[in-house]
Amino acid sequence: MTEFQDRESFDTFLGIVARLRGSDGCPWDKEQTHFSIGKYLLQECHEALEAIDSGDPTSLADELGDVLLQVGLHAQIGQDEGRFTIKDILRSINDKLIRRHPHVFGDVVISKPEEVEANWQRLKAAERGGTGSALNGIPKSLPSLAASQEIQGRAARLGFDWPDMTGVLDKVREEIGEFEEARSRKEIEHELGDILAAIVNIGRKLDVDTEGALRKANERFRQRFTYMEQAAAGRGESLGDLPLDQQEALWQEAKRAG
């Protein structure tokens, strides 16, 4: 273990991952492929987001380490297969960062964040050869709310946008009205999707991460509902057996409790 004593070194990290995949390494790690561990990359990213929401820097550092492990494993698998190495990954991202920040590493003059974003998108389009839809490149595996916000954001950058919040809110009301008129299961699903997309547009217009906002709302609901269950149990009752008005009273109590 003497070769792994510097626990703050990136080379130590790469060495450990290589050892895990080596002939005398871990049986589980040795049999993994890009596909078999793909799900863990997504899982670790979600756990990192949860750590960000918690505001705990120690937890965030730990979870970012887990994300880095996924990058390291994919790099080692690529090297084992003779396809790419960690150097290829680093070269790619370093080239991209320099290429897409000409206002930092070149002569382009940009002072506002929105100008940076617009120029970033232009550079991405140029990298694609200037062809294809502005919506190309949005991952299909992206969570639906996040994908919707990205789709609508790209459309807005081409001018397809309401001039102010009034139009956005009117659109939400319009979609709710169409939902109320829906009759078939197919129509209901269609109109509900349109409502969700219109609400996402509110977040996009206000520069609020809709995916993150809902994630935090889910956590608030989880905490409050757990409070309700525990409060009912403390009174010798089951939450599910209580009438709705008493459940609502517990919900309001949970909200006041924070």
Protein backbone atom coordinates (compact mmCIF):
# COMPACT_ATOMS: atom_id res chain seq x y z
CA MET A 1 0.00 0.00 0.00
CA THR A 2 3.03 2.30 0.08
CA GLU A 3 2.34 3.45 -3.50
CA PHE A 4 -1.05 4.79 -2.42
CA GLN A 5 0.00 6.87 0.59
CA ASP A 6 -0.63 10.27 -1.02
CA ARG A 7 -4.41 10.21 -0.73
CA GLU A 8 -4.79 13.74 -2.17
CA SER A 9 -3.14 12.86 -5.49
CA PHE A 10 -5.01 12.38 -8.76
CA ASP A 11 -2.33 9.89 -9.79
CA THR A 12 -3.04 7.89 -6.63
CA PHE A 13 -6.73 7.80 -7.57
CA LEU A 14 -5.93 6.57 -11.09
CA GLY A 15 -3.55 3.97 -9.66
CA ILE A 16 -6.20 2.62 -7.30
CA VAL A 17 -8.77 2.34 -10.10
CA ALA A 18 -6.20 0.57 -12.31
CA ARG A 19 -5.41 -1.83 -9.45
CA LEU A 20 -9.10 -2.59 -8.96
CA ARG A 21 -9.35 -3.50 -12.67
CA GLY A 22 -6.01 -5.35 -12.70
CA SER A 23 -5.39 -9.10 -12.74
CA ASP A 24 -5.09 -9.20 -8.95
CA GLY A 25 -7.86 -6.65 -8.43
CA CYS A 26 -11.53 -6.79 -7.48
CA PRO A 27 -13.62 -9.52 -9.20
CA TRP A 28 -16.60 -7.15 -9.48
CA ASP A 29 -14.66 -4.22 -10.91
CA LYS A 30 -12.82 -6.42 -13.42
CA GLU A 31 -16.02 -7.63 -15.07
CA GLN A 32 -17.70 -4.22 -15.49
CA THR A 33 -18.34 -2.55 -18.85
CA HIS A 34 -19.37 0.98 -19.86
CA PHE A 35 -22.93 -0.28 -20.17
CA SER A 36 -23.07 -2.20 -16.89
CA ILE A 37 -21.98 0.76 -14.78
CA GLY A 38 -23.81 3.43 -16.78
CA LYS A 39 -26.69 3.46 -14.30
CA TYR A 40 -24.31 4.24 -11.44
CA LEU A 41 -23.11 7.43 -13.12
CA LEU A 42 -26.69 8.72 -13.14
CA GLN A 43 -27.27 7.54 -9.56
CA GLU A 44 -24.13 9.21 -8.25
CA CYS A 45 -25.02 12.48 -10.01
CA HIS A 46 -28.42 12.45 -8.32
CA GLU A 47 -26.79 11.80 -4.94
CA ALA A 48 -24.47 14.76 -5.56
CA LEU A 49 -27.51 16.94 -6.32
CA GLU A 50 -29.07 15.79 -3.06
CA ALA A 51 -25.90 16.80 -1.23
CA ILE A 52 -26.04 20.22 -2.90
CA ASP A 53 -29.64 20.63 -1.74
CA SER A 54 -28.65 19.65 1.81
CA GLY A 55 -26.05 22.41 2.01
CA ASP A 56 -23.57 19.99 3.63
CA PRO A 57 -20.10 20.60 2.11
CA THR A 58 -18.63 17.40 3.58
CA SER A 59 -21.39 15.33 2.03
CA LEU A 60 -20.98 17.14 -1.29
CA ALA A 61 -17.22 16.47 -1.35
CA ASP A 62 -17.91 12.80 -0.66
CA GLU A 63 -20.54 12.50 -3.39
CA LEU A 64 -18.41 14.33 -5.95
CA GLY A 65 -15.72 11.74 -5.21
CA ASP A 66 -18.23 9.04 -6.14
CA VAL A 67 -18.96 10.86 -9.41
CA LEU A 68 -15.23 11.08 -10.09
CA LEU A 69 -14.95 7.32 -9.46
CA GLN A 70 -17.39 6.71 -12.30
CA VAL A 71 -15.25 8.84 -14.62
CA GLY A 72 -12.16 6.96 -13.49
CA LEU A 73 -13.75 3.56 -14.06
CA HIS A 74 -14.95 4.51 -17.55
CA ALA A 75 -11.47 5.83 -18.35
CA GLN A 76 -9.84 2.60 -17.16
CA ILE A 77 -12.34 0.45 -19.08
CA GLY A 78 -11.59 2.52 -22.18
CA GLN A 79 -7.86 1.99 -21.66
CA ASP A 80 -8.29 -1.75 -21.04
CA GLU A 81 -10.20 -2.00 -24.32
CA GLY A 82 -7.60 0.07 -26.18
CA ARG A 83 -10.16 2.73 -27.12
CA PHE A 84 -9.22 5.80 -25.05
CA THR A 85 -7.46 6.81 -21.83
CA ILE A 86 -7.88 9.43 -19.14
CA LYS A 87 -5.51 11.61 -21.20
CA ASP A 88 -7.99 11.61 -24.07
CA ILE A 89 -10.76 12.68 -21.67
CA LEU A 90 -8.63 15.49 -20.22
CA ARG A 91 -7.46 16.64 -23.65
CA SER A 92 -11.04 16.73 -24.91
CA ILE A 93 -12.43 18.78 -22.04
CA ASN A 94 -9.43 21.12 -21.92
CA ASP A 95 -9.69 21.80 -25.66
CA LYS A 96 -13.42 22.37 -25.33
CA LEU A 97 -13.09 24.79 -22.40
CA ILE A 98 -10.50 26.88 -24.21
CA ARG A 99 -12.40 26.79 -27.50
CA ARG A 100 -15.70 27.81 -25.94
CA HIS A 101 -14.21 30.64 -23.84
CA PRO A 102 -12.59 32.88 -26.45
CA HIS A 103 -13.40 35.85 -24.21
CA VAL A 104 -10.99 34.39 -21.64
CA PHE A 105 -8.37 32.63 -23.76
CA GLY A 106 -8.73 34.68 -26.95
CA ASP A 107 -9.52 38.17 -28.24
CA VAL A 108 -13.34 38.10 -28.08
CA VAL A 109 -14.78 40.80 -25.80
CA ILE A 110 -17.77 39.68 -23.71
CA SER A 111 -18.86 41.21 -20.42
CA LYS A 112 -22.33 39.87 -19.61
CA PRO A 113 -23.28 36.28 -18.62
CA GLU A 114 -26.08 36.22 -21.21
CA GLU A 115 -23.56 37.12 -23.92
CA VAL A 116 -21.39 34.22 -22.77
CA GLU A 117 -24.35 31.85 -23.04
CA ALA A 118 -25.28 33.09 -26.52
CA ASN A 119 -21.70 32.77 -27.75
CA TRP A 120 -21.41 29.29 -26.19
CA GLN A 121 -24.44 28.17 -28.17
CA ARG A 122 -23.05 29.65 -31.38
CA LEU A 123 -19.78 27.82 -30.86
CA LYS A 124 -21.59 24.55 -30.20
CA ALA A 125 -23.58 25.01 -33.42
CA ALA A 126 -20.36 25.68 -35.32
CA GLU A 127 -18.86 22.48 -33.90
CA ARG A 128 -21.84 20.60 -35.31
CA GLY A 129 -21.09 22.12 -38.71
CA GLY A 130 -23.84 24.71 -38.41
CA THR A 131 -26.44 22.18 -39.52
CA GLY A 132 -29.33 20.46 -37.81
CA SER A 133 -31.82 21.59 -35.23
CA ALA A 134 -30.97 23.87 -32.34
CA LEU A 135 -32.51 21.14 -30.19
CA ASN A 136 -29.95 18.54 -31.22
CA GLY A 137 -27.70 17.24 -28.48
CA ILE A 138 -30.22 17.29 -25.62
CA PRO A 139 -29.81 13.85 -24.00
CA LYS A 140 -32.89 11.64 -24.21
CA SER A 141 -32.05 10.29 -20.75
CA LEU A 142 -32.32 13.76 -19.19
CA PRO A 143 -35.17 13.99 -16.63
CA SER A 144 -38.30 15.29 -18.35
CA LEU A 145 -38.55 18.58 -16.46
CA ALA A 146 -34.90 19.39 -17.09
CA ALA A 147 -35.23 18.40 -20.74
CA SER A 148 -38.32 20.58 -21.15
CA GLN A 149 -36.54 23.58 -19.65
CA GLU A 150 -33.53 23.07 -21.92
CA ILE A 151 -35.72 22.63 -25.01
CA GLN A 152 -37.73 25.76 -24.28
CA GLY A 153 -34.58 27.70 -23.41
CA ARG A 154 -32.98 26.90 -26.74
CA ALA A 155 -36.16 27.88 -28.57
CA ALA A 156 -36.26 31.16 -26.62
CA ARG A 157 -32.69 32.00 -27.63
CA LEU A 158 -33.91 31.97 -31.24
CA GLY A 159 -36.66 34.44 -30.36
CA PHE A 160 -39.50 31.95 -29.82
CA ASP A 161 -40.53 33.35 -26.46
CA TRP A 162 -43.14 35.46 -24.72
CA PRO A 163 -42.00 39.07 -24.21
CA ASP A 164 -42.97 38.98 -20.54
CA MET A 165 -44.40 36.77 -17.78
CA THR A 166 -47.99 37.71 -18.66
CA GLY A 167 -47.90 35.60 -21.80
CA VAL A 168 -46.38 32.66 -19.94
CA LEU A 169 -49.06 32.71 -17.23
CA ASP A 170 -51.82 33.13 -19.82
CA LYS A 171 -50.48 30.01 -21.54
CA VAL A 172 -50.70 28.06 -18.28
CA ARG A 173 -54.33 29.12 -17.86
CA GLU A 174 -55.07 28.21 -21.47
CA GLU A 175 -53.60 24.73 -21.02
CA ILE A 176 -55.57 24.19 -17.79
CA GLY A 177 -58.75 25.14 -19.67
CA GLU A 178 -57.96 22.62 -22.41
CA PHE A 179 -57.25 19.99 -19.76
CA GLU A 180 -60.67 20.58 -18.19
CA GLU A 181 -62.28 19.93 -21.57
CA ALA A 182 -60.33 16.71 -22.21
CA ARG A 183 -62.41 13.54 -22.21
CA SER A 184 -60.42 10.54 -23.45
CA ARG A 185 -57.44 9.10 -21.65
CA LYS A 186 -55.24 10.14 -24.56
CA GLU A 187 -56.52 13.74 -24.44
CA ILE A 188 -56.03 13.92 -20.67
CA GLU A 189 -52.41 12.73 -20.94
CA HIS A 190 -51.76 15.14 -23.80
CA GLU A 191 -53.17 18.18 -22.00
CA LEU A 192 -51.52 17.29 -18.70
CA GLY A 193 -48.16 17.20 -20.50
CA ASP A 194 -48.90 20.63 -21.97
CA ILE A 195 -49.68 21.99 -18.48
CA LEU A 196 -46.39 20.66 -17.13
CA ALA A 197 -44.46 22.14 -20.07
CA ALA A 198 -46.15 25.52 -19.56
CA ILE A 199 -45.26 25.47 -15.84
CA VAL A 200 -41.67 24.57 -16.69
CA ASN A 201 -41.64 27.67 -18.89
CA ILE A 202 -42.39 29.77 -15.80
CA GLY A 203 -39.21 28.46 -14.20
CA ARG A 204 -37.25 29.01 -17.40
CA LYS A 205 -38.54 32.58 -17.68
CA LEU A 206 -37.58 33.33 -14.06
CA ASP A 207 -34.23 31.53 -14.38
CA VAL A 208 -35.31 28.97 -11.77
CA ASP A 209 -34.20 25.36 -12.15
CA THR A 210 -37.58 23.65 -12.37
CA GLU A 211 -36.11 20.19 -11.79
CA GLY A 212 -34.39 21.44 -8.65
CA ALA A 213 -37.48 23.29 -7.46
CA LEU A 214 -39.59 20.13 -7.72
CA ARG A 215 -36.87 18.06 -6.08
CA LYS A 216 -36.95 20.42 -3.08
CA ALA A 217 -40.76 20.37 -3.05
CA ASN A 218 -40.66 16.56 -2.98
CA GLU A 219 -38.33 16.67 0.01
CA ARG A 220 -40.60 19.13 1.84
CA PHE A 221 -43.56 16.84 1.20
CA ARG A 222 -41.57 13.83 2.41
CA GLN A 223 -40.63 15.57 5.65
CA ARG A 224 -44.13 16.88 6.31
CA PHE A 225 -45.84 13.58 5.54
CA THR A 226 -43.41 11.74 7.80
CA TYR A 227 -44.25 14.25 10.53
CA MET A 228 -47.95 13.51 10.01
CA GLU A 229 -47.39 9.76 10.31
CA GLN A 230 -45.33 10.16 13.47
CA ALA A 231 -47.78 12.63 15.03
CA ALA A 232 -50.70 10.29 14.39
CA ALA A 233 -48.75 7.32 15.77
CA GLY A 234 -47.88 9.37 18.87
CA ARG A 235 -51.61 9.71 19.52
CA GLY A 236 -52.14 5.99 19.11
CA GLU A 237 -53.74 6.44 15.67
CA SER A 238 -52.97 5.39 12.11
CA LEU A 239 -52.75 8.24 9.62
CA GLY A 240 -54.64 6.23 7.03
CA ASP A 241 -57.59 5.76 9.38
CA LEU A 242 -58.05 9.48 10.02
CA PRO A 243 -60.70 11.45 8.09
CA LEU A 244 -59.43 13.97 5.58
CA ASP A 245 -60.11 17.02 7.76
CA GLN A 246 -57.92 15.60 10.54
CA GLN A 247 -55.21 14.70 8.05
CA GLU A 248 -55.33 18.26 6.73
CA ALA A 249 -55.00 19.58 10.28
CA LEU A 250 -51.88 17.46 10.74
CA TRP A 251 -50.53 18.73 7.44
CA GLN A 252 -50.93 22.34 8.56
CA GLU A 253 -49.27 21.41 11.86
CA ALA A 254 -46.37 19.87 9.95
CA LYS A 255 -46.01 23.06 7.86
CA ARG A 256 -45.89 25.20 10.98
CA ALA A 257 -43.26 22.86 12.44
CA GLY A 258 -41.08 23.72 9.48
